[in-house]
Amino acid sequence: MNSRQSTLLVLVALIFFGWPIAEKAAAQTFGSDSHNVTVQVAQVTRLSVSTGTVDLTISDVNAVAGEDMMTVTDQNSRLLWGTNSSGRKITASTSLAAPLFQLALVAVSPTAGTAAPEMILSTVPRDLLLNIGRTSGSCFLRYTGTAFASQGVGTDAHSITFTVQSQ
């Protein structure tokens, strides 16, 4: 065997027998460290109303000859919520302390929780949705304005506040 063949034989031996040894050496750990990671979840409560303004106008279209009571309804707004706390409900109230006309509200088709019966809005918060804890959901808001012909004309401007609170 000449020197060239010997060198080739050594290279072949290193290739076949040296690779596993090199891989084992690379796999050894020469140092390590660790640390702790904590994930903390705070109470989360979010509310959003899909429309900024709802206009309810009672006109000849809403009036019936011979009847004193006139109504108008709007169900185009949606209320969206999310909370990670149990035992929660949503209430609603108006900023208008002495309205000329009646404004009622009810939650329609809630995706979570239970809709409370239709309410006449006042400055005292009243239940809109019950049992919404630990959910994200939505519902339509149906507003109904009621006036009597005998009340005459006028305008009520409400600011409606929705609040998530304990049940």
N, C-alpha and C. Protein backbone atom coordinates (compact mmCIF):
# COMPACT_ATOMS: atom_id res chain seq x y z
N MET A 1 0.86 -1.16 0.00
CA MET A 1 0.00 0.00 0.00
C MET A 1 0.90 1.22 0.00
N ASN A 2 0.63 2.14 -0.89
CA ASN A 2 1.46 3.34 -0.97
C ASN A 2 0.90 4.41 -0.02
N SER A 3 1.63 5.51 0.09
CA SER A 3 1.24 6.56 1.04
C SER A 3 -0.07 7.23 0.66
N ARG A 4 -0.32 7.30 -0.63
CA ARG A 4 -1.57 7.90 -1.10
C ARG A 4 -2.75 7.02 -0.67
N GLN A 5 -2.61 5.73 -0.79
CA GLN A 5 -3.68 4.82 -0.39
C GLN A 5 -3.85 4.83 1.12
N SER A 6 -2.75 4.97 1.84
CA SER A 6 -2.82 5.04 3.30
C SER A 6 -3.57 6.28 3.75
N THR A 7 -3.28 7.39 3.13
CA THR A 7 -3.96 8.64 3.47
C THR A 7 -5.45 8.53 3.18
N LEU A 8 -5.77 7.95 2.06
CA LEU A 8 -7.17 7.77 1.68
C LEU A 8 -7.87 6.85 2.67
N LEU A 9 -7.21 5.82 3.12
CA LEU A 9 -7.78 4.90 4.07
C LEU A 9 -8.03 5.59 5.41
N VAL A 10 -7.10 6.44 5.84
CA VAL A 10 -7.27 7.20 7.08
C VAL A 10 -8.44 8.16 6.96
N LEU A 11 -8.56 8.83 5.82
CA LEU A 11 -9.68 9.75 5.61
C LEU A 11 -11.02 9.01 5.63
N VAL A 12 -11.04 7.86 4.98
CA VAL A 12 -12.26 7.06 4.98
C VAL A 12 -12.61 6.63 6.40
N ALA A 13 -11.61 6.23 7.18
CA ALA A 13 -11.84 5.81 8.56
C ALA A 13 -12.36 6.97 9.40
N LEU A 14 -11.79 8.18 9.20
CA LEU A 14 -12.26 9.36 9.94
C LEU A 14 -13.70 9.71 9.57
N ILE A 15 -13.99 9.57 8.30
CA ILE A 15 -15.34 9.90 7.86
C ILE A 15 -16.33 8.93 8.50
N PHE A 16 -16.02 7.63 8.46
CA PHE A 16 -16.96 6.65 8.98
C PHE A 16 -16.97 6.59 10.50
N PHE A 17 -15.83 6.73 11.13
CA PHE A 17 -15.77 6.57 12.57
C PHE A 17 -15.65 7.90 13.32
N GLY A 18 -15.23 8.94 12.65
CA GLY A 18 -15.03 10.24 13.31
C GLY A 18 -16.29 11.05 13.46
N TRP A 19 -17.23 10.91 12.54
CA TRP A 19 -18.47 11.72 12.60
C TRP A 19 -19.28 11.44 13.86
N PRO A 20 -19.53 10.21 14.24
CA PRO A 20 -20.29 9.99 15.47
C PRO A 20 -19.61 10.57 16.69
N ILE A 21 -18.31 10.50 16.73
CA ILE A 21 -17.57 11.06 17.86
C ILE A 21 -17.73 12.57 17.88
N ALA A 22 -17.65 13.22 16.71
CA ALA A 22 -17.80 14.68 16.62
C ALA A 22 -19.22 15.10 17.02
N GLU A 23 -20.22 14.31 16.60
CA GLU A 23 -21.61 14.64 16.95
C GLU A 23 -21.83 14.53 18.45
N LYS A 24 -21.27 13.51 19.08
CA LYS A 24 -21.41 13.33 20.53
C LYS A 24 -20.76 14.50 21.27
N ALA A 25 -19.63 14.94 20.81
CA ALA A 25 -18.93 16.05 21.45
C ALA A 25 -19.75 17.34 21.32
N ALA A 26 -20.38 17.53 20.17
CA ALA A 26 -21.17 18.74 19.96
C ALA A 26 -22.44 18.72 20.81
N ALA A 27 -22.97 17.54 21.11
CA ALA A 27 -24.21 17.42 21.86
C ALA A 27 -24.00 17.64 23.35
N GLN A 28 -22.79 17.59 23.83
CA GLN A 28 -22.52 17.78 25.25
C GLN A 28 -22.84 19.22 25.64
N THR A 29 -23.36 19.40 26.85
CA THR A 29 -23.68 20.72 27.37
C THR A 29 -22.53 21.17 28.26
N PHE A 30 -22.06 22.36 27.99
CA PHE A 30 -20.95 22.88 28.76
C PHE A 30 -21.40 23.93 29.77
N GLY A 31 -22.68 24.28 29.75
CA GLY A 31 -23.23 25.23 30.70
C GLY A 31 -24.71 25.41 30.43
N SER A 32 -25.47 25.76 31.44
CA SER A 32 -26.89 26.02 31.24
C SER A 32 -27.36 27.00 32.30
N ASP A 33 -28.53 27.53 32.05
CA ASP A 33 -29.13 28.49 32.98
C ASP A 33 -30.63 28.44 32.78
N SER A 34 -31.37 28.96 33.69
CA SER A 34 -32.83 29.00 33.55
C SER A 34 -33.37 30.21 34.30
N HIS A 35 -34.62 30.55 34.00
CA HIS A 35 -35.31 31.60 34.75
C HIS A 35 -36.79 31.29 34.78
N ASN A 36 -37.51 31.96 35.64
CA ASN A 36 -38.95 31.75 35.79
C ASN A 36 -39.70 32.80 34.99
N VAL A 37 -40.81 32.40 34.40
CA VAL A 37 -41.68 33.32 33.68
C VAL A 37 -43.07 33.19 34.27
N THR A 38 -43.69 34.30 34.62
CA THR A 38 -45.03 34.30 35.20
C THR A 38 -45.96 35.03 34.25
N VAL A 39 -47.08 34.42 33.94
CA VAL A 39 -48.13 35.06 33.16
C VAL A 39 -49.25 35.42 34.13
N GLN A 40 -49.54 36.69 34.24
CA GLN A 40 -50.59 37.16 35.14
C GLN A 40 -51.70 37.78 34.32
N VAL A 41 -52.93 37.41 34.60
CA VAL A 41 -54.08 37.95 33.88
C VAL A 41 -54.88 38.83 34.84
N ALA A 42 -55.00 40.09 34.50
CA ALA A 42 -55.78 41.02 35.31
C ALA A 42 -57.24 40.95 34.90
N GLN A 43 -58.09 41.55 35.70
CA GLN A 43 -59.51 41.61 35.34
C GLN A 43 -59.65 42.42 34.06
N VAL A 44 -60.39 41.86 33.10
CA VAL A 44 -60.60 42.51 31.81
C VAL A 44 -62.09 42.72 31.63
N THR A 45 -62.47 43.94 31.32
CA THR A 45 -63.87 44.26 31.04
C THR A 45 -63.90 45.32 29.95
N ARG A 46 -64.50 44.98 28.82
CA ARG A 46 -64.59 45.90 27.69
C ARG A 46 -66.02 45.98 27.20
N LEU A 47 -66.45 47.18 26.84
CA LEU A 47 -67.76 47.43 26.23
C LEU A 47 -67.58 48.34 25.03
N SER A 48 -68.39 48.11 24.02
CA SER A 48 -68.34 48.95 22.84
C SER A 48 -69.72 48.98 22.20
N VAL A 49 -70.13 50.17 21.74
CA VAL A 49 -71.40 50.33 21.03
C VAL A 49 -71.05 50.60 19.57
N SER A 50 -71.73 49.88 18.67
CA SER A 50 -71.37 49.94 17.25
C SER A 50 -71.73 51.24 16.54
N THR A 51 -72.70 51.96 17.03
CA THR A 51 -73.09 53.23 16.39
C THR A 51 -72.96 54.37 17.38
N GLY A 52 -72.64 55.53 16.86
CA GLY A 52 -72.46 56.68 17.73
C GLY A 52 -73.77 57.38 18.09
N THR A 53 -74.67 57.48 17.15
CA THR A 53 -75.90 58.23 17.37
C THR A 53 -77.09 57.45 16.84
N VAL A 54 -78.15 57.45 17.60
CA VAL A 54 -79.42 56.86 17.17
C VAL A 54 -80.43 57.99 17.14
N ASP A 55 -81.07 58.18 16.00
CA ASP A 55 -82.08 59.23 15.85
C ASP A 55 -83.46 58.58 15.75
N LEU A 56 -84.32 58.86 16.71
CA LEU A 56 -85.70 58.39 16.70
C LEU A 56 -86.59 59.60 16.45
N THR A 57 -87.28 59.61 15.34
CA THR A 57 -88.14 60.75 14.98
C THR A 57 -89.57 60.26 14.83
N ILE A 58 -90.44 60.83 15.60
CA ILE A 58 -91.87 60.54 15.47
C ILE A 58 -92.46 61.60 14.55
N SER A 59 -93.12 61.13 13.49
CA SER A 59 -93.71 62.05 12.51
C SER A 59 -95.05 61.47 12.05
N ASP A 60 -95.58 62.03 11.00
CA ASP A 60 -96.85 61.54 10.46
C ASP A 60 -96.78 60.04 10.13
N VAL A 61 -95.61 59.56 9.76
CA VAL A 61 -95.44 58.16 9.40
C VAL A 61 -95.72 57.25 10.59
N ASN A 62 -95.34 57.71 11.81
CA ASN A 62 -95.49 56.90 13.02
C ASN A 62 -96.84 57.09 13.71
N ALA A 63 -97.63 58.04 13.27
CA ALA A 63 -98.89 58.36 13.95
C ALA A 63 -100.06 57.64 13.29
N VAL A 64 -101.02 57.24 14.12
CA VAL A 64 -102.26 56.63 13.65
C VAL A 64 -103.39 57.57 14.02
N ALA A 65 -104.22 57.92 13.03
CA ALA A 65 -105.35 58.84 13.28
C ALA A 65 -106.23 58.30 14.39
N GLY A 66 -106.57 59.17 15.31
CA GLY A 66 -107.46 58.80 16.41
C GLY A 66 -106.74 58.22 17.62
N GLU A 67 -105.45 57.97 17.54
CA GLU A 67 -104.69 57.44 18.69
C GLU A 67 -103.75 58.50 19.23
N ASP A 68 -103.73 58.61 20.55
CA ASP A 68 -102.89 59.59 21.22
C ASP A 68 -101.42 59.15 21.24
N MET A 69 -101.16 57.82 21.43
CA MET A 69 -99.80 57.32 21.56
C MET A 69 -99.14 57.10 20.19
N MET A 70 -97.89 57.57 20.09
CA MET A 70 -97.09 57.41 18.87
C MET A 70 -95.75 56.79 19.27
N THR A 71 -95.27 55.84 18.47
CA THR A 71 -93.99 55.19 18.80
C THR A 71 -93.09 55.12 17.57
N VAL A 72 -91.81 55.00 17.85
CA VAL A 72 -90.81 54.77 16.82
C VAL A 72 -89.75 53.84 17.41
N THR A 73 -89.23 52.94 16.59
CA THR A 73 -88.27 51.93 17.06
C THR A 73 -87.03 51.91 16.17
N ASP A 74 -85.88 51.65 16.79
CA ASP A 74 -84.63 51.49 16.06
C ASP A 74 -83.88 50.30 16.68
N GLN A 75 -83.40 49.40 15.82
CA GLN A 75 -82.66 48.23 16.28
C GLN A 75 -81.38 48.04 15.45
N ASN A 76 -80.73 49.14 15.10
CA ASN A 76 -79.53 49.08 14.26
C ASN A 76 -78.22 49.09 15.04
N SER A 77 -78.28 49.36 16.33
CA SER A 77 -77.05 49.41 17.13
C SER A 77 -76.76 48.06 17.76
N ARG A 78 -75.47 47.81 17.94
CA ARG A 78 -75.04 46.58 18.62
C ARG A 78 -74.18 46.95 19.81
N LEU A 79 -74.34 46.18 20.86
CA LEU A 79 -73.49 46.29 22.03
C LEU A 79 -72.58 45.07 22.04
N LEU A 80 -71.28 45.31 22.18
CA LEU A 80 -70.30 44.23 22.24
C LEU A 80 -69.59 44.30 23.58
N TRP A 81 -69.31 43.14 24.18
CA TRP A 81 -68.67 43.13 25.47
C TRP A 81 -67.71 41.96 25.58
N GLY A 82 -66.86 42.05 26.57
CA GLY A 82 -65.96 40.96 26.92
C GLY A 82 -65.53 41.14 28.36
N THR A 83 -65.60 40.05 29.12
CA THR A 83 -65.15 40.10 30.51
C THR A 83 -64.63 38.72 30.90
N ASN A 84 -63.61 38.68 31.74
CA ASN A 84 -63.08 37.41 32.21
C ASN A 84 -63.42 37.18 33.68
N SER A 85 -64.43 37.89 34.18
CA SER A 85 -64.87 37.75 35.56
C SER A 85 -66.24 37.10 35.60
N SER A 86 -66.46 36.27 36.60
CA SER A 86 -67.76 35.60 36.71
C SER A 86 -68.76 36.46 37.46
N GLY A 87 -70.04 36.09 37.35
CA GLY A 87 -71.09 36.79 38.09
C GLY A 87 -71.27 38.24 37.67
N ARG A 88 -71.32 38.49 36.37
CA ARG A 88 -71.42 39.87 35.87
C ARG A 88 -72.73 40.08 35.12
N LYS A 89 -73.13 41.34 35.05
CA LYS A 89 -74.30 41.77 34.28
C LYS A 89 -73.99 43.12 33.66
N ILE A 90 -74.83 43.53 32.71
CA ILE A 90 -74.69 44.85 32.09
C ILE A 90 -75.95 45.64 32.41
N THR A 91 -75.73 46.86 32.88
CA THR A 91 -76.85 47.76 33.15
C THR A 91 -76.82 48.92 32.16
N ALA A 92 -77.93 49.63 32.08
CA ALA A 92 -78.02 50.81 31.21
C ALA A 92 -78.75 51.91 31.94
N SER A 93 -78.36 53.14 31.65
CA SER A 93 -79.02 54.31 32.22
C SER A 93 -78.89 55.48 31.25
N THR A 94 -79.69 56.50 31.47
CA THR A 94 -79.63 57.71 30.66
C THR A 94 -79.12 58.87 31.50
N SER A 95 -78.57 59.85 30.84
CA SER A 95 -78.11 61.06 31.53
C SER A 95 -79.24 62.07 31.72
N LEU A 96 -80.36 61.87 31.03
CA LEU A 96 -81.45 62.84 31.03
C LEU A 96 -82.37 62.58 32.22
N ALA A 97 -82.34 63.51 33.19
CA ALA A 97 -83.08 63.33 34.44
C ALA A 97 -84.59 63.51 34.28
N ALA A 98 -85.01 64.40 33.41
CA ALA A 98 -86.44 64.69 33.28
C ALA A 98 -86.84 64.71 31.80
N PRO A 99 -86.92 63.54 31.17
CA PRO A 99 -87.27 63.51 29.74
C PRO A 99 -88.74 63.89 29.53
N LEU A 100 -89.01 64.49 28.38
CA LEU A 100 -90.39 64.80 28.00
C LEU A 100 -91.10 63.55 27.50
N PHE A 101 -90.33 62.68 26.84
CA PHE A 101 -90.89 61.50 26.20
C PHE A 101 -90.23 60.24 26.75
N GLN A 102 -90.91 59.14 26.60
CA GLN A 102 -90.41 57.87 27.14
C GLN A 102 -89.46 57.20 26.15
N LEU A 103 -88.35 56.69 26.69
CA LEU A 103 -87.39 55.93 25.88
C LEU A 103 -87.18 54.58 26.55
N ALA A 104 -87.49 53.51 25.80
CA ALA A 104 -87.33 52.15 26.31
C ALA A 104 -86.18 51.47 25.60
N LEU A 105 -85.60 50.46 26.26
CA LEU A 105 -84.47 49.74 25.71
C LEU A 105 -84.58 48.26 26.09
N VAL A 106 -84.21 47.39 25.15
CA VAL A 106 -84.12 45.96 25.42
C VAL A 106 -82.98 45.39 24.58
N ALA A 107 -82.30 44.39 25.14
CA ALA A 107 -81.25 43.66 24.40
C ALA A 107 -81.93 42.58 23.57
N VAL A 108 -81.58 42.52 22.30
CA VAL A 108 -82.19 41.54 21.38
C VAL A 108 -81.12 40.58 20.87
N SER A 109 -81.43 39.30 20.88
CA SER A 109 -80.55 38.24 20.36
C SER A 109 -79.15 38.25 20.95
N PRO A 110 -79.03 38.21 22.28
CA PRO A 110 -77.68 38.17 22.85
C PRO A 110 -76.98 36.85 22.52
N THR A 111 -75.68 36.92 22.22
CA THR A 111 -74.91 35.71 21.93
C THR A 111 -74.44 35.03 23.21
N ALA A 112 -74.53 35.72 24.33
CA ALA A 112 -74.19 35.16 25.64
C ALA A 112 -75.02 35.91 26.68
N GLY A 113 -75.27 35.26 27.79
CA GLY A 113 -76.07 35.90 28.84
C GLY A 113 -77.55 35.82 28.52
N THR A 114 -78.33 36.49 29.36
CA THR A 114 -79.79 36.50 29.25
C THR A 114 -80.28 37.94 29.21
N ALA A 115 -81.12 38.25 28.26
CA ALA A 115 -81.68 39.60 28.16
C ALA A 115 -82.71 39.82 29.26
N ALA A 116 -82.61 40.96 29.92
CA ALA A 116 -83.62 41.35 30.90
C ALA A 116 -84.84 41.88 30.13
N PRO A 117 -85.99 41.97 30.77
CA PRO A 117 -87.17 42.52 30.08
C PRO A 117 -86.93 43.97 29.65
N GLU A 118 -87.71 44.42 28.67
CA GLU A 118 -87.60 45.80 28.21
C GLU A 118 -87.75 46.75 29.40
N MET A 119 -86.95 47.80 29.40
CA MET A 119 -86.97 48.76 30.51
C MET A 119 -87.19 50.17 29.98
N ILE A 120 -87.78 51.01 30.81
CA ILE A 120 -87.86 52.44 30.54
C ILE A 120 -86.58 53.04 31.12
N LEU A 121 -85.81 53.71 30.28
CA LEU A 121 -84.54 54.26 30.74
C LEU A 121 -84.76 55.41 31.72
N SER A 122 -83.90 55.43 32.73
CA SER A 122 -83.89 56.52 33.71
C SER A 122 -82.44 56.73 34.14
N THR A 123 -82.23 57.66 35.04
CA THR A 123 -80.87 57.92 35.52
C THR A 123 -80.40 56.84 36.49
N VAL A 124 -81.31 56.00 36.94
CA VAL A 124 -80.96 54.86 37.79
C VAL A 124 -80.61 53.68 36.88
N PRO A 125 -79.42 53.12 36.99
CA PRO A 125 -79.05 51.98 36.14
C PRO A 125 -80.00 50.80 36.35
N ARG A 126 -80.41 50.21 35.24
CA ARG A 126 -81.30 49.03 35.29
C ARG A 126 -80.68 47.91 34.47
N ASP A 127 -81.04 46.69 34.83
CA ASP A 127 -80.47 45.51 34.17
C ASP A 127 -80.86 45.45 32.70
N LEU A 128 -79.84 45.23 31.85
CA LEU A 128 -80.03 45.02 30.42
C LEU A 128 -79.75 43.56 30.08
N LEU A 129 -78.61 43.04 30.56
CA LEU A 129 -78.21 41.65 30.33
C LEU A 129 -77.73 41.03 31.64
N LEU A 130 -78.12 39.79 31.88
CA LEU A 130 -77.73 39.07 33.09
C LEU A 130 -76.84 37.89 32.72
N ASN A 131 -76.04 37.44 33.67
CA ASN A 131 -75.21 36.23 33.53
C ASN A 131 -74.26 36.28 32.34
N ILE A 132 -73.50 37.35 32.22
CA ILE A 132 -72.56 37.46 31.10
C ILE A 132 -71.13 37.14 31.49
N GLY A 133 -70.90 36.71 32.73
CA GLY A 133 -69.54 36.50 33.22
C GLY A 133 -68.70 35.59 32.36
N ARG A 134 -67.43 35.92 32.23
CA ARG A 134 -66.40 35.17 31.50
C ARG A 134 -66.81 34.87 30.06
N THR A 135 -67.27 35.89 29.37
CA THR A 135 -67.66 35.71 27.97
C THR A 135 -67.30 36.94 27.15
N SER A 136 -67.31 36.74 25.87
CA SER A 136 -67.35 37.83 24.91
C SER A 136 -68.64 37.63 24.16
N GLY A 137 -69.36 38.70 23.92
CA GLY A 137 -70.64 38.54 23.25
C GLY A 137 -71.12 39.83 22.65
N SER A 138 -72.31 39.74 22.07
CA SER A 138 -72.92 40.93 21.47
C SER A 138 -74.43 40.76 21.49
N CYS A 139 -75.11 41.87 21.29
CA CYS A 139 -76.56 41.87 21.15
C CYS A 139 -76.94 43.12 20.36
N PHE A 140 -78.14 43.09 19.81
CA PHE A 140 -78.69 44.29 19.20
C PHE A 140 -79.40 45.09 20.28
N LEU A 141 -79.41 46.39 20.13
CA LEU A 141 -80.10 47.27 21.07
C LEU A 141 -81.35 47.80 20.39
N ARG A 142 -82.51 47.49 20.96
CA ARG A 142 -83.75 48.00 20.39
C ARG A 142 -84.26 49.13 21.27
N TYR A 143 -84.23 50.33 20.70
CA TYR A 143 -84.75 51.52 21.36
C TYR A 143 -86.17 51.78 20.86
N THR A 144 -87.06 52.15 21.77
CA THR A 144 -88.42 52.52 21.40
C THR A 144 -88.75 53.85 22.05
N GLY A 145 -89.02 54.85 21.23
CA GLY A 145 -89.44 56.15 21.74
C GLY A 145 -90.96 56.23 21.69
N THR A 146 -91.53 56.72 22.76
CA THR A 146 -92.99 56.83 22.85
C THR A 146 -93.35 58.25 23.25
N ALA A 147 -94.33 58.82 22.53
CA ALA A 147 -94.84 60.16 22.85
C ALA A 147 -96.35 60.13 22.65
N PHE A 148 -97.00 61.05 23.29
CA PHE A 148 -98.45 61.20 23.12
C PHE A 148 -98.69 62.51 22.39
N ALA A 149 -99.62 62.49 21.50
CA ALA A 149 -99.96 63.70 20.74
C ALA A 149 -100.27 64.85 21.70
N SER A 150 -100.88 64.53 22.80
CA SER A 150 -101.26 65.55 23.78
C SER A 150 -100.04 66.20 24.45
N GLN A 151 -98.85 65.61 24.30
CA GLN A 151 -97.63 66.18 24.88
C GLN A 151 -97.05 67.29 24.01
N GLY A 152 -97.47 67.37 22.78
CA GLY A 152 -96.93 68.38 21.88
C GLY A 152 -95.60 67.96 21.28
N VAL A 153 -94.81 68.95 20.87
CA VAL A 153 -93.54 68.68 20.20
C VAL A 153 -92.38 68.96 21.15
N GLY A 154 -91.22 68.44 20.80
CA GLY A 154 -90.03 68.66 21.62
C GLY A 154 -88.94 67.68 21.24
N THR A 155 -87.81 67.79 21.93
CA THR A 155 -86.66 66.92 21.68
C THR A 155 -86.04 66.53 23.01
N ASP A 156 -85.77 65.25 23.17
CA ASP A 156 -85.01 64.74 24.31
C ASP A 156 -83.66 64.25 23.77
N ALA A 157 -82.59 64.68 24.38
CA ALA A 157 -81.24 64.22 24.00
C ALA A 157 -80.67 63.40 25.14
N HIS A 158 -80.55 62.09 24.92
CA HIS A 158 -80.06 61.16 25.93
C HIS A 158 -78.60 60.80 25.65
N SER A 159 -77.86 60.57 26.71
CA SER A 159 -76.56 59.93 26.62
C SER A 159 -76.71 58.63 27.42
N ILE A 160 -76.64 57.50 26.73
CA ILE A 160 -76.88 56.21 27.38
C ILE A 160 -75.54 55.63 27.85
N THR A 161 -75.52 55.20 29.09
CA THR A 161 -74.32 54.61 29.68
C THR A 161 -74.58 53.13 29.96
N PHE A 162 -73.66 52.29 29.49
CA PHE A 162 -73.70 50.85 29.74
C PHE A 162 -72.58 50.54 30.71
N THR A 163 -72.88 49.70 31.70
CA THR A 163 -71.89 49.38 32.73
C THR A 163 -71.90 47.88 33.02
N VAL A 164 -70.71 47.28 33.07
CA VAL A 164 -70.58 45.90 33.53
C VAL A 164 -70.34 45.96 35.02
N GLN A 165 -71.12 45.19 35.76
CA GLN A 165 -70.97 45.18 37.21
C GLN A 165 -71.33 43.81 37.77
N SER A 166 -71.07 43.62 39.06
CA SER A 166 -71.39 42.37 39.72
C SER A 166 -72.90 42.19 39.77
N GLN A 167 -73.30 40.92 39.68
CA GLN A 167 -74.72 40.60 39.75
C GLN A 167 -75.19 40.58 41.17
